[in-house]
Amino acid sequence: MSDLDQNKQNAIAFYKEAYEGNPRESVKKYVGDKYIQHNPVVDDGFEGFIKYFETMYKEYPDKSIEFVRAIAEGDLVALHTHQTWPGDEHYVTMDFFRFEDGKIVEHWDSIQEVPKESKNDNGMW
């Protein structure tokens, strides 16, 4: 398996495990010696990530995530996801992870609620 393929698998596993309520274990397995966070509503570092995902899981345990695609180039992995939250709210997310030595060290993301109406029939995925 290539490093790019392994990084894609690790990014998905990292995000899925954290999303499903176990961010501390996810950090232990997949994060390097630092974690730089660019999402403005999440504190920087390991504990900021863990706190955010633990709180999110407690408040919204019935949410779900589908990984639509993963793209890897160089030291970056991009994930395109479909999240479903309580109240039948749907979101499309784009997450970008930077890797060093096979471990995640930096994260950027963008999230958008799926609109009820669209000017085209192409969908968000």
C-alpha atoms as a PDB file:
ATOM      1  CA  MET A   1       0.000   0.000   0.000  1.00  0.00           C
ATOM      2  CA  SER A   2       1.335   3.447  -0.884  1.00  0.00           C
ATOM      3  CA  ASP A   3       1.876   6.188   1.699  1.00  0.00           C
ATOM      4  CA  LEU A   4      -0.904   8.200   0.034  1.00  0.00           C
ATOM      5  CA  ASP A   5      -3.375   5.335   0.374  1.00  0.00           C
ATOM      6  CA  GLN A   6      -2.324   4.735   3.984  1.00  0.00           C
ATOM      7  CA  ASN A   7      -2.736   8.444   4.791  1.00  0.00           C
ATOM      8  CA  LYS A   8      -6.254   8.386   3.302  1.00  0.00           C
ATOM      9  CA  GLN A   9      -7.187   5.345   5.379  1.00  0.00           C
ATOM     10  CA  ASN A  10      -5.698   6.916   8.508  1.00  0.00           C
ATOM     11  CA  ALA A  11      -7.522  10.234   7.990  1.00  0.00           C
ATOM     12  CA  ILE A  12     -10.850   8.413   7.603  1.00  0.00           C
ATOM     13  CA  ALA A  13     -10.217   6.177  10.627  1.00  0.00           C
ATOM     14  CA  PHE A  14      -9.119   9.184  12.719  1.00  0.00           C
ATOM     15  CA  TYR A  15     -12.192  11.231  11.903  1.00  0.00           C
ATOM     16  CA  LYS A  16     -14.637   8.306  12.162  1.00  0.00           C
ATOM     17  CA  GLU A  17     -13.366   7.172  15.565  1.00  0.00           C
ATOM     18  CA  ALA A  18     -13.463  10.718  16.957  1.00  0.00           C
ATOM     19  CA  TYR A  19     -16.894  11.397  15.442  1.00  0.00           C
ATOM     20  CA  GLU A  20     -18.267   8.200  16.964  1.00  0.00           C
ATOM     21  CA  GLY A  21     -17.252   9.215  20.485  1.00  0.00           C
ATOM     22  CA  ASN A  22     -13.649   8.176  21.048  1.00  0.00           C
ATOM     23  CA  PRO A  23     -11.461  11.184  20.164  1.00  0.00           C
ATOM     24  CA  ARG A  24      -8.820  10.515  22.825  1.00  0.00           C
ATOM     25  CA  GLU A  25      -8.032   7.079  21.401  1.00  0.00           C
ATOM     26  CA  SER A  26      -8.135   8.509  17.884  1.00  0.00           C
ATOM     27  CA  VAL A  27      -5.519  11.120  18.798  1.00  0.00           C
ATOM     28  CA  LYS A  28      -3.287   8.443  20.348  1.00  0.00           C
ATOM     29  CA  LYS A  29      -3.401   6.317  17.205  1.00  0.00           C
ATOM     30  CA  TYR A  30      -3.283   8.850  14.384  1.00  0.00           C
ATOM     31  CA  VAL A  31      -1.861  12.209  15.537  1.00  0.00           C
ATOM     32  CA  GLY A  32       1.798  13.175  15.594  1.00  0.00           C
ATOM     33  CA  ASP A  33       3.681  15.228  18.176  1.00  0.00           C
ATOM     34  CA  LYS A  34       1.502  18.311  17.549  1.00  0.00           C
ATOM     35  CA  TYR A  35      -1.986  19.124  16.311  1.00  0.00           C
ATOM     36  CA  ILE A  36      -2.529  22.508  14.691  1.00  0.00           C
ATOM     37  CA  GLN A  37      -6.218  23.379  14.448  1.00  0.00           C
ATOM     38  CA  HIS A  38      -7.565  25.961  11.972  1.00  0.00           C
ATOM     39  CA  ASN A  39     -11.304  25.573  12.719  1.00  0.00           C
ATOM     40  CA  PRO A  40     -12.171  28.782  14.630  1.00  0.00           C
ATOM     41  CA  VAL A  41     -14.659  27.052  16.966  1.00  0.00           C
ATOM     42  CA  VAL A  42     -12.183  24.383  18.153  1.00  0.00           C
ATOM     43  CA  ASP A  43      -9.288  25.079  20.517  1.00  0.00           C
ATOM     44  CA  ASP A  44      -5.802  24.395  19.199  1.00  0.00           C
ATOM     45  CA  GLY A  45      -3.931  21.234  20.155  1.00  0.00           C
ATOM     46  CA  PHE A  46      -4.772  17.714  21.246  1.00  0.00           C
ATOM     47  CA  GLU A  47      -7.028  18.619  24.168  1.00  0.00           C
ATOM     48  CA  GLY A  48      -8.984  21.152  22.111  1.00  0.00           C
ATOM     49  CA  PHE A  49      -9.799  18.480  19.543  1.00  0.00           C
ATOM     50  CA  ILE A  50     -10.687  15.906  22.212  1.00  0.00           C
ATOM     51  CA  LYS A  51     -12.893  18.320  24.154  1.00  0.00           C
ATOM     52  CA  TYR A  52     -14.766  19.394  21.015  1.00  0.00           C
ATOM     53  CA  PHE A  53     -15.530  15.845  19.874  1.00  0.00           C
ATOM     54  CA  GLU A  54     -16.404  14.555  23.356  1.00  0.00           C
ATOM     55  CA  THR A  55     -18.885  17.412  23.794  1.00  0.00           C
ATOM     56  CA  MET A  56     -20.324  16.948  20.311  1.00  0.00           C
ATOM     57  CA  TYR A  57     -20.834  13.225  20.911  1.00  0.00           C
ATOM     58  CA  LYS A  58     -22.571  13.805  24.267  1.00  0.00           C
ATOM     59  CA  GLU A  59     -24.887  16.439  22.795  1.00  0.00           C
ATOM     60  CA  TYR A  60     -25.578  14.670  19.474  1.00  0.00           C
ATOM     61  CA  PRO A  61     -25.030  10.906  19.882  1.00  0.00           C
ATOM     62  CA  ASP A  62     -27.367  10.052  16.994  1.00  0.00           C
ATOM     63  CA  LYS A  63     -25.482  11.951  14.301  1.00  0.00           C
ATOM     64  CA  SER A  64     -23.890   9.995  11.464  1.00  0.00           C
ATOM     65  CA  ILE A  65     -21.184  10.496   8.879  1.00  0.00           C
ATOM     66  CA  GLU A  66     -20.585   9.058   5.431  1.00  0.00           C
ATOM     67  CA  PHE A  67     -17.202   9.422   3.769  1.00  0.00           C
ATOM     68  CA  VAL A  68     -17.975  10.220   0.147  1.00  0.00           C
ATOM     69  CA  ARG A  69     -14.424  10.569  -1.133  1.00  0.00           C
ATOM     70  CA  ALA A  70     -10.833  10.922   0.004  1.00  0.00           C
ATOM     71  CA  ILE A  71      -8.093  12.545  -2.048  1.00  0.00           C
ATOM     72  CA  ALA A  72      -4.399  12.484  -1.191  1.00  0.00           C
ATOM     73  CA  GLU A  73      -1.530  14.468  -2.638  1.00  0.00           C
ATOM     74  CA  GLY A  74       1.877  15.048  -1.112  1.00  0.00           C
ATOM     75  CA  ASP A  75       1.439  15.392   2.639  1.00  0.00           C
ATOM     76  CA  LEU A  76      -2.283  16.306   2.450  1.00  0.00           C
ATOM     77  CA  VAL A  77      -5.522  14.332   2.584  1.00  0.00           C
ATOM     78  CA  ALA A  78      -8.905  15.856   1.756  1.00  0.00           C
ATOM     79  CA  LEU A  79     -12.122  14.215   2.943  1.00  0.00           C
ATOM     80  CA  HIS A  80     -15.548  15.004   1.476  1.00  0.00           C
ATOM     81  CA  THR A  81     -18.313  13.896   3.841  1.00  0.00           C
ATOM     82  CA  HIS A  82     -22.060  13.846   4.308  1.00  0.00           C
ATOM     83  CA  GLN A  83     -23.139  14.369   7.906  1.00  0.00           C
ATOM     84  CA  THR A  84     -26.682  13.782   9.135  1.00  0.00           C
ATOM     85  CA  TRP A  85     -27.636  15.373  12.452  1.00  0.00           C
ATOM     86  CA  PRO A  86     -30.770  15.144  14.617  1.00  0.00           C
ATOM     87  CA  GLY A  87     -33.751  16.942  13.154  1.00  0.00           C
ATOM     88  CA  ASP A  88     -32.835  15.615   9.696  1.00  0.00           C
ATOM     89  CA  GLU A  89     -30.185  18.299   9.209  1.00  0.00           C
ATOM     90  CA  HIS A  90     -27.688  17.457   6.479  1.00  0.00           C
ATOM     91  CA  TYR A  91     -24.231  18.962   6.065  1.00  0.00           C
ATOM     92  CA  VAL A  92     -21.493  18.644   3.500  1.00  0.00           C
ATOM     93  CA  THR A  93     -17.982  18.977   4.893  1.00  0.00           C
ATOM     94  CA  MET A  94     -14.524  19.273   3.448  1.00  0.00           C
ATOM     95  CA  ASP A  95     -11.700  18.394   5.826  1.00  0.00           C
ATOM     96  CA  PHE A  96      -8.021  18.746   5.038  1.00  0.00           C
ATOM     97  CA  PHE A  97      -5.321  17.005   7.043  1.00  0.00           C
ATOM     98  CA  ARG A  98      -1.568  17.513   6.818  1.00  0.00           C
ATOM     99  CA  PHE A  99       0.633  14.544   7.648  1.00  0.00           C
ATOM    100  CA  GLU A 100       4.203  14.296   8.921  1.00  0.00           C
ATOM    101  CA  ASP A 101       5.828  10.861   9.078  1.00  0.00           C
ATOM    102  CA  GLY A 102       2.462   9.143   8.622  1.00  0.00           C
ATOM    103  CA  LYS A 103       0.735  11.071  11.424  1.00  0.00           C
ATOM    104  CA  ILE A 104      -1.796  13.904  11.310  1.00  0.00           C
ATOM    105  CA  VAL A 105      -0.379  17.220  12.510  1.00  0.00           C
ATOM    106  CA  GLU A 106      -2.683  19.895  11.066  1.00  0.00           C
ATOM    107  CA  HIS A 107      -6.376  20.325  10.166  1.00  0.00           C
ATOM    108  CA  TRP A 108      -8.563  22.732   8.170  1.00  0.00           C
ATOM    109  CA  ASP A 109     -12.255  22.338   7.394  1.00  0.00           C
ATOM    110  CA  SER A 110     -15.317  23.896   5.865  1.00  0.00           C
ATOM    111  CA  ILE A 111     -18.923  22.942   6.552  1.00  0.00           C
ATOM    112  CA  GLN A 112     -22.137  23.864   4.776  1.00  0.00           C
ATOM    113  CA  GLU A 113     -25.724  22.933   5.498  1.00  0.00           C
ATOM    114  CA  VAL A 114     -27.283  21.240   2.488  1.00  0.00           C
ATOM    115  CA  PRO A 115     -29.875  23.704   1.166  1.00  0.00           C
ATOM    116  CA  LYS A 116     -33.502  22.672   0.755  1.00  0.00           C
ATOM    117  CA  GLU A 117     -33.496  24.052  -2.790  1.00  0.00           C
ATOM    118  CA  SER A 118     -30.837  24.144  -5.485  1.00  0.00           C
ATOM    119  CA  LYS A 119     -30.607  25.839  -8.883  1.00  0.00           C
ATOM    120  CA  ASN A 120     -29.247  22.547 -10.297  1.00  0.00           C
ATOM    121  CA  ASP A 121     -29.864  18.839  -9.839  1.00  0.00           C
ATOM    122  CA  ASN A 122     -26.221  17.875  -9.244  1.00  0.00           C
ATOM    123  CA  GLY A 123     -26.394  17.483  -5.464  1.00  0.00           C
ATOM    124  CA  MET A 124     -23.642  18.137  -2.942  1.00  0.00           C
ATOM    125  CA  TRP A 125     -21.900  14.769  -3.349  1.00  0.00           C
END
